[in-house]
Amino acid sequence: MIKKQVNTDDLISFIIKGIDDVKGEDIQLLDLREIENTVCDYFIICSGSSNTQVNAISSSIQKLVSKEIKDKPWHTEGQGNSEWVLMDYVNVVVHIFQKHVRDFYDLESLWGDAKITQIKTV
């Protein structure tokens, strides 16, 4: 089966909408394309306030992306304890954190060379 090439901009906008639909917070888009040896082009990082909300964000993203562009994550991790869920869409990797876990790992500092865009939601 040949997988249809997904437009990365569309994928990013549907992921962000999926986060926003369930009130995910502090959404940041990290553009990694100028950094050598990265595993993907973009990270999207956001926070949820509880296990339930982290799961809701993950489900919302999966449903919306599947419905709108018929894509699903190549790999997903962390849904067992829902403190940090990783969703790998190959070119775009989504990190959904509970706030304390996000503060601990501080991916934004780790990837300090990335171009970071704070996403404003309504």
N, C-alpha and C. Protein backbone atom coordinates (compact mmCIF):
# COMPACT_ATOMS: atom_id res chain seq x y z
N MET A 1 0.84 -1.18 0.00
CA MET A 1 0.00 0.00 0.00
C MET A 1 0.89 1.25 0.00
N ILE A 2 0.66 2.14 -0.92
CA ILE A 2 1.42 3.38 -0.98
C ILE A 2 0.67 4.44 -0.18
N LYS A 3 1.40 5.04 0.74
CA LYS A 3 0.78 6.04 1.60
C LYS A 3 0.78 7.39 0.88
N LYS A 4 -0.38 8.03 0.89
CA LYS A 4 -0.51 9.34 0.29
C LYS A 4 0.36 10.34 1.05
N GLN A 5 1.07 11.18 0.31
CA GLN A 5 1.90 12.21 0.94
C GLN A 5 0.99 13.26 1.58
N VAL A 6 1.19 13.48 2.86
CA VAL A 6 0.37 14.44 3.59
C VAL A 6 1.06 15.79 3.59
N ASN A 7 0.31 16.85 3.34
CA ASN A 7 0.84 18.20 3.40
C ASN A 7 1.16 18.53 4.86
N THR A 8 2.43 18.84 5.13
CA THR A 8 2.88 19.08 6.51
C THR A 8 2.16 20.26 7.14
N ASP A 9 1.93 21.33 6.38
CA ASP A 9 1.22 22.50 6.92
C ASP A 9 -0.20 22.14 7.35
N ASP A 10 -0.87 21.32 6.54
CA ASP A 10 -2.22 20.88 6.90
C ASP A 10 -2.16 20.02 8.17
N LEU A 11 -1.21 19.10 8.21
CA LEU A 11 -1.06 18.24 9.38
C LEU A 11 -0.85 19.07 10.64
N ILE A 12 0.05 20.04 10.57
CA ILE A 12 0.31 20.91 11.72
C ILE A 12 -0.95 21.65 12.14
N SER A 13 -1.68 22.22 11.19
CA SER A 13 -2.86 23.00 11.57
C SER A 13 -3.95 22.11 12.17
N PHE A 14 -4.11 20.88 11.70
CA PHE A 14 -5.11 19.98 12.29
C PHE A 14 -4.66 19.49 13.67
N ILE A 15 -3.38 19.26 13.86
CA ILE A 15 -2.88 18.88 15.18
C ILE A 15 -3.16 20.01 16.18
N ILE A 16 -2.84 21.23 15.78
CA ILE A 16 -3.06 22.38 16.67
C ILE A 16 -4.54 22.56 16.97
N LYS A 17 -5.39 22.39 15.96
CA LYS A 17 -6.84 22.48 16.19
C LYS A 17 -7.29 21.38 17.15
N GLY A 18 -6.74 20.17 16.99
CA GLY A 18 -7.08 19.06 17.89
C GLY A 18 -6.71 19.38 19.33
N ILE A 19 -5.56 20.03 19.52
CA ILE A 19 -5.12 20.42 20.87
C ILE A 19 -6.07 21.49 21.42
N ASP A 20 -6.34 22.49 20.60
CA ASP A 20 -7.17 23.62 21.03
C ASP A 20 -8.61 23.19 21.33
N ASP A 21 -9.12 22.22 20.57
CA ASP A 21 -10.51 21.76 20.76
C ASP A 21 -10.77 21.25 22.17
N VAL A 22 -9.75 20.73 22.83
CA VAL A 22 -9.91 20.22 24.20
C VAL A 22 -9.10 21.04 25.20
N LYS A 23 -8.85 22.29 24.83
CA LYS A 23 -8.23 23.28 25.74
C LYS A 23 -6.81 22.93 26.18
N GLY A 24 -6.03 22.30 25.28
CA GLY A 24 -4.62 22.11 25.56
C GLY A 24 -3.96 23.48 25.70
N GLU A 25 -2.91 23.54 26.52
CA GLU A 25 -2.31 24.84 26.84
C GLU A 25 -0.88 24.95 26.37
N ASP A 26 -0.43 26.20 26.27
CA ASP A 26 0.98 26.53 26.00
C ASP A 26 1.51 25.74 24.81
N ILE A 27 0.88 25.95 23.65
CA ILE A 27 1.25 25.21 22.44
C ILE A 27 2.45 25.90 21.78
N GLN A 28 3.48 25.13 21.51
CA GLN A 28 4.65 25.66 20.83
C GLN A 28 5.01 24.78 19.65
N LEU A 29 5.38 25.45 18.55
CA LEU A 29 5.82 24.76 17.34
C LEU A 29 7.32 24.99 17.21
N LEU A 30 8.09 23.90 17.22
CA LEU A 30 9.54 23.98 17.06
C LEU A 30 9.90 23.53 15.66
N ASP A 31 10.49 24.43 14.89
CA ASP A 31 10.92 24.13 13.53
C ASP A 31 12.36 23.63 13.60
N LEU A 32 12.54 22.35 13.29
CA LEU A 32 13.85 21.70 13.42
C LEU A 32 14.57 21.54 12.08
N ARG A 33 14.00 22.09 11.02
CA ARG A 33 14.53 21.83 9.68
C ARG A 33 15.95 22.34 9.46
N GLU A 34 16.36 23.37 10.18
CA GLU A 34 17.71 23.92 10.00
C GLU A 34 18.75 23.22 10.88
N ILE A 35 18.31 22.29 11.70
CA ILE A 35 19.22 21.60 12.62
C ILE A 35 19.62 20.26 12.02
N GLU A 36 20.92 19.96 12.05
CA GLU A 36 21.39 18.70 11.46
C GLU A 36 20.98 17.49 12.30
N ASN A 37 20.77 16.38 11.62
CA ASN A 37 20.53 15.07 12.24
C ASN A 37 19.30 15.02 13.15
N THR A 38 18.25 15.72 12.79
CA THR A 38 17.02 15.62 13.58
C THR A 38 16.17 14.48 13.04
N VAL A 39 15.30 13.97 13.89
CA VAL A 39 14.48 12.83 13.51
C VAL A 39 13.22 13.25 12.76
N CYS A 40 12.89 14.54 12.80
CA CYS A 40 11.69 15.02 12.12
C CYS A 40 11.89 16.50 11.79
N ASP A 41 10.90 17.11 11.13
CA ASP A 41 10.98 18.53 10.75
C ASP A 41 10.42 19.44 11.84
N TYR A 42 9.42 18.96 12.56
CA TYR A 42 8.76 19.80 13.56
C TYR A 42 8.43 19.02 14.82
N PHE A 43 8.49 19.71 15.96
CA PHE A 43 7.91 19.24 17.21
C PHE A 43 6.74 20.17 17.50
N ILE A 44 5.66 19.62 17.98
CA ILE A 44 4.59 20.42 18.56
C ILE A 44 4.51 19.98 20.01
N ILE A 45 4.62 20.96 20.91
CA ILE A 45 4.62 20.67 22.34
C ILE A 45 3.45 21.40 22.97
N CYS A 46 2.73 20.70 23.85
CA CYS A 46 1.63 21.34 24.56
C CYS A 46 1.49 20.71 25.94
N SER A 47 0.65 21.34 26.76
CA SER A 47 0.44 20.85 28.12
C SER A 47 -1.03 20.58 28.37
N GLY A 48 -1.26 19.58 29.22
CA GLY A 48 -2.58 19.29 29.76
C GLY A 48 -2.47 19.30 31.27
N SER A 49 -3.58 19.51 31.94
CA SER A 49 -3.53 19.68 33.40
C SER A 49 -3.70 18.38 34.18
N SER A 50 -4.03 17.28 33.50
CA SER A 50 -4.26 16.00 34.19
C SER A 50 -4.08 14.85 33.20
N ASN A 51 -4.04 13.63 33.74
CA ASN A 51 -3.99 12.44 32.87
C ASN A 51 -5.16 12.44 31.90
N THR A 52 -6.33 12.79 32.43
CA THR A 52 -7.54 12.79 31.61
C THR A 52 -7.42 13.77 30.46
N GLN A 53 -6.91 14.97 30.74
CA GLN A 53 -6.79 15.95 29.67
C GLN A 53 -5.70 15.57 28.67
N VAL A 54 -4.59 15.03 29.13
CA VAL A 54 -3.54 14.58 28.22
C VAL A 54 -4.11 13.52 27.27
N ASN A 55 -4.87 12.57 27.81
CA ASN A 55 -5.53 11.56 26.96
C ASN A 55 -6.53 12.19 26.01
N ALA A 56 -7.29 13.18 26.49
CA ALA A 56 -8.28 13.84 25.65
C ALA A 56 -7.60 14.57 24.49
N ILE A 57 -6.46 15.22 24.76
CA ILE A 57 -5.73 15.92 23.70
C ILE A 57 -5.25 14.92 22.66
N SER A 58 -4.66 13.83 23.11
CA SER A 58 -4.17 12.79 22.21
C SER A 58 -5.31 12.24 21.34
N SER A 59 -6.44 11.94 21.96
CA SER A 59 -7.60 11.41 21.22
C SER A 59 -8.13 12.42 20.22
N SER A 60 -8.20 13.68 20.65
CA SER A 60 -8.71 14.74 19.79
C SER A 60 -7.84 14.90 18.55
N ILE A 61 -6.53 14.90 18.74
CA ILE A 61 -5.61 15.01 17.60
C ILE A 61 -5.81 13.83 16.66
N GLN A 62 -5.82 12.62 17.24
CA GLN A 62 -5.92 11.42 16.41
C GLN A 62 -7.21 11.42 15.59
N LYS A 63 -8.33 11.75 16.23
CA LYS A 63 -9.62 11.75 15.53
C LYS A 63 -9.66 12.80 14.43
N LEU A 64 -9.21 14.01 14.74
CA LEU A 64 -9.29 15.11 13.78
C LEU A 64 -8.38 14.87 12.58
N VAL A 65 -7.15 14.46 12.82
CA VAL A 65 -6.21 14.22 11.73
C VAL A 65 -6.70 13.05 10.86
N SER A 66 -7.22 12.02 11.51
CA SER A 66 -7.75 10.88 10.77
C SER A 66 -8.93 11.30 9.89
N LYS A 67 -9.83 12.08 10.46
CA LYS A 67 -11.03 12.51 9.73
C LYS A 67 -10.69 13.45 8.58
N GLU A 68 -9.83 14.42 8.85
CA GLU A 68 -9.57 15.49 7.87
C GLU A 68 -8.58 15.09 6.78
N ILE A 69 -7.52 14.39 7.13
CA ILE A 69 -6.51 14.07 6.11
C ILE A 69 -6.15 12.58 6.06
N LYS A 70 -6.96 11.77 6.70
CA LYS A 70 -6.81 10.31 6.62
C LYS A 70 -5.40 9.84 6.96
N ASP A 71 -4.82 10.48 7.98
CA ASP A 71 -3.48 10.09 8.43
C ASP A 71 -3.57 9.62 9.87
N LYS A 72 -2.67 8.74 10.25
CA LYS A 72 -2.63 8.32 11.64
C LYS A 72 -1.17 8.29 12.09
N PRO A 73 -0.94 8.36 13.41
CA PRO A 73 0.46 8.37 13.86
C PRO A 73 1.16 7.08 13.47
N TRP A 74 2.40 7.22 13.08
CA TRP A 74 3.21 6.06 12.79
C TRP A 74 3.50 5.30 14.08
N HIS A 75 3.61 6.06 15.16
CA HIS A 75 3.93 5.46 16.46
C HIS A 75 3.39 6.37 17.56
N THR A 76 2.89 5.77 18.64
CA THR A 76 2.42 6.53 19.79
C THR A 76 2.99 5.88 21.05
N GLU A 77 3.40 6.71 22.01
CA GLU A 77 3.94 6.21 23.28
C GLU A 77 3.38 6.99 24.44
N GLY A 78 3.31 6.35 25.61
CA GLY A 78 3.01 7.05 26.85
C GLY A 78 1.56 7.09 27.26
N GLN A 79 0.68 6.44 26.50
CA GLN A 79 -0.73 6.52 26.85
C GLN A 79 -1.07 5.72 28.09
N GLY A 80 -0.14 4.89 28.54
CA GLY A 80 -0.36 4.11 29.75
C GLY A 80 -0.51 4.97 31.00
N ASN A 81 0.43 5.90 31.20
CA ASN A 81 0.33 6.73 32.41
C ASN A 81 -0.10 8.17 32.11
N SER A 82 -0.04 8.56 30.85
CA SER A 82 -0.55 9.86 30.39
C SER A 82 0.08 11.06 31.08
N GLU A 83 1.36 10.94 31.43
CA GLU A 83 2.09 12.12 31.90
C GLU A 83 2.80 12.78 30.73
N TRP A 84 3.20 11.95 29.76
CA TRP A 84 3.84 12.46 28.55
C TRP A 84 3.46 11.51 27.42
N VAL A 85 2.65 11.99 26.50
CA VAL A 85 2.26 11.19 25.34
C VAL A 85 3.00 11.73 24.12
N LEU A 86 3.63 10.84 23.39
CA LEU A 86 4.33 11.20 22.16
C LEU A 86 3.57 10.60 20.99
N MET A 87 3.29 11.43 20.00
CA MET A 87 2.61 10.97 18.78
C MET A 87 3.52 11.29 17.60
N ASP A 88 3.95 10.26 16.90
CA ASP A 88 4.92 10.43 15.81
C ASP A 88 4.20 10.34 14.47
N TYR A 89 4.08 11.49 13.80
CA TYR A 89 3.51 11.54 12.46
C TYR A 89 4.62 11.64 11.41
N VAL A 90 5.79 11.10 11.69
CA VAL A 90 6.99 11.06 10.86
C VAL A 90 7.65 12.43 10.72
N ASN A 91 7.06 13.36 9.95
CA ASN A 91 7.66 14.70 9.81
C ASN A 91 7.34 15.60 11.01
N VAL A 92 6.28 15.27 11.71
CA VAL A 92 5.84 16.07 12.85
C VAL A 92 5.68 15.14 14.05
N VAL A 93 6.33 15.50 15.16
CA VAL A 93 6.20 14.72 16.39
C VAL A 93 5.51 15.61 17.43
N VAL A 94 4.44 15.08 18.03
CA VAL A 94 3.67 15.82 19.02
C VAL A 94 4.03 15.31 20.41
N HIS A 95 4.31 16.25 21.31
CA HIS A 95 4.60 15.92 22.71
C HIS A 95 3.49 16.56 23.55
N ILE A 96 2.74 15.73 24.26
CA ILE A 96 1.66 16.23 25.13
C ILE A 96 2.07 15.91 26.56
N PHE A 97 2.31 16.95 27.33
CA PHE A 97 2.84 16.80 28.68
C PHE A 97 1.85 17.25 29.74
N GLN A 98 1.92 16.63 30.92
CA GLN A 98 1.40 17.30 32.10
C GLN A 98 2.44 18.35 32.46
N LYS A 99 2.00 19.45 33.04
CA LYS A 99 2.88 20.61 33.24
C LYS A 99 4.18 20.26 33.98
N HIS A 100 4.08 19.52 35.09
CA HIS A 100 5.29 19.23 35.87
C HIS A 100 6.30 18.38 35.09
N VAL A 101 5.80 17.51 34.23
CA VAL A 101 6.70 16.66 33.43
C VAL A 101 7.34 17.51 32.33
N ARG A 102 6.55 18.41 31.75
CA ARG A 102 7.10 19.31 30.73
C ARG A 102 8.20 20.19 31.32
N ASP A 103 7.96 20.71 32.51
CA ASP A 103 8.98 21.54 33.17
C ASP A 103 10.25 20.74 33.43
N PHE A 104 10.09 19.48 33.83
CA PHE A 104 11.24 18.63 34.14
C PHE A 104 12.10 18.37 32.90
N TYR A 105 11.47 17.98 31.80
CA TYR A 105 12.23 17.63 30.59
C TYR A 105 12.65 18.85 29.77
N ASP A 106 11.89 19.92 29.83
CA ASP A 106 12.24 21.19 29.21
C ASP A 106 12.78 21.04 27.79
N LEU A 107 11.98 20.41 26.92
CA LEU A 107 12.41 20.17 25.53
C LEU A 107 12.73 21.46 24.79
N GLU A 108 12.03 22.53 25.13
CA GLU A 108 12.27 23.79 24.45
C GLU A 108 13.73 24.23 24.63
N SER A 109 14.31 24.03 25.81
CA SER A 109 15.72 24.38 26.03
C SER A 109 16.65 23.39 25.35
N LEU A 110 16.29 22.11 25.42
CA LEU A 110 17.10 21.07 24.78
C LEU A 110 17.26 21.34 23.29
N TRP A 111 16.19 21.82 22.67
CA TRP A 111 16.20 22.13 21.24
C TRP A 111 16.29 23.64 21.04
N GLY A 112 17.17 24.28 21.80
CA GLY A 112 17.30 25.73 21.79
C GLY A 112 17.65 26.32 20.44
N ASP A 113 18.24 25.52 19.53
CA ASP A 113 18.58 26.03 18.20
C ASP A 113 17.37 26.07 17.27
N ALA A 114 16.29 25.46 17.69
CA ALA A 114 15.08 25.43 16.84
C ALA A 114 14.42 26.80 16.82
N LYS A 115 13.72 27.07 15.73
CA LYS A 115 12.90 28.28 15.65
C LYS A 115 11.59 27.93 16.37
N ILE A 116 11.31 28.64 17.46
CA ILE A 116 10.15 28.31 18.29
C ILE A 116 9.06 29.36 18.07
N THR A 117 7.86 28.87 17.75
CA THR A 117 6.71 29.75 17.56
C THR A 117 5.68 29.42 18.63
N GLN A 118 5.31 30.42 19.41
CA GLN A 118 4.23 30.25 20.41
C GLN A 118 2.91 30.35 19.64
N ILE A 119 2.07 29.34 19.75
CA ILE A 119 0.79 29.32 19.04
C ILE A 119 -0.28 29.98 19.90
N LYS A 120 -0.89 31.00 19.35
CA LYS A 120 -1.97 31.68 20.05
C LYS A 120 -3.29 31.05 19.64
N THR A 121 -4.09 30.66 20.62
CA THR A 121 -5.40 30.10 20.32
C THR A 121 -6.46 31.03 20.89
N VAL A 122 -7.64 30.90 20.35
CA VAL A 122 -8.72 31.82 20.75
C VAL A 122 -9.48 31.26 21.93
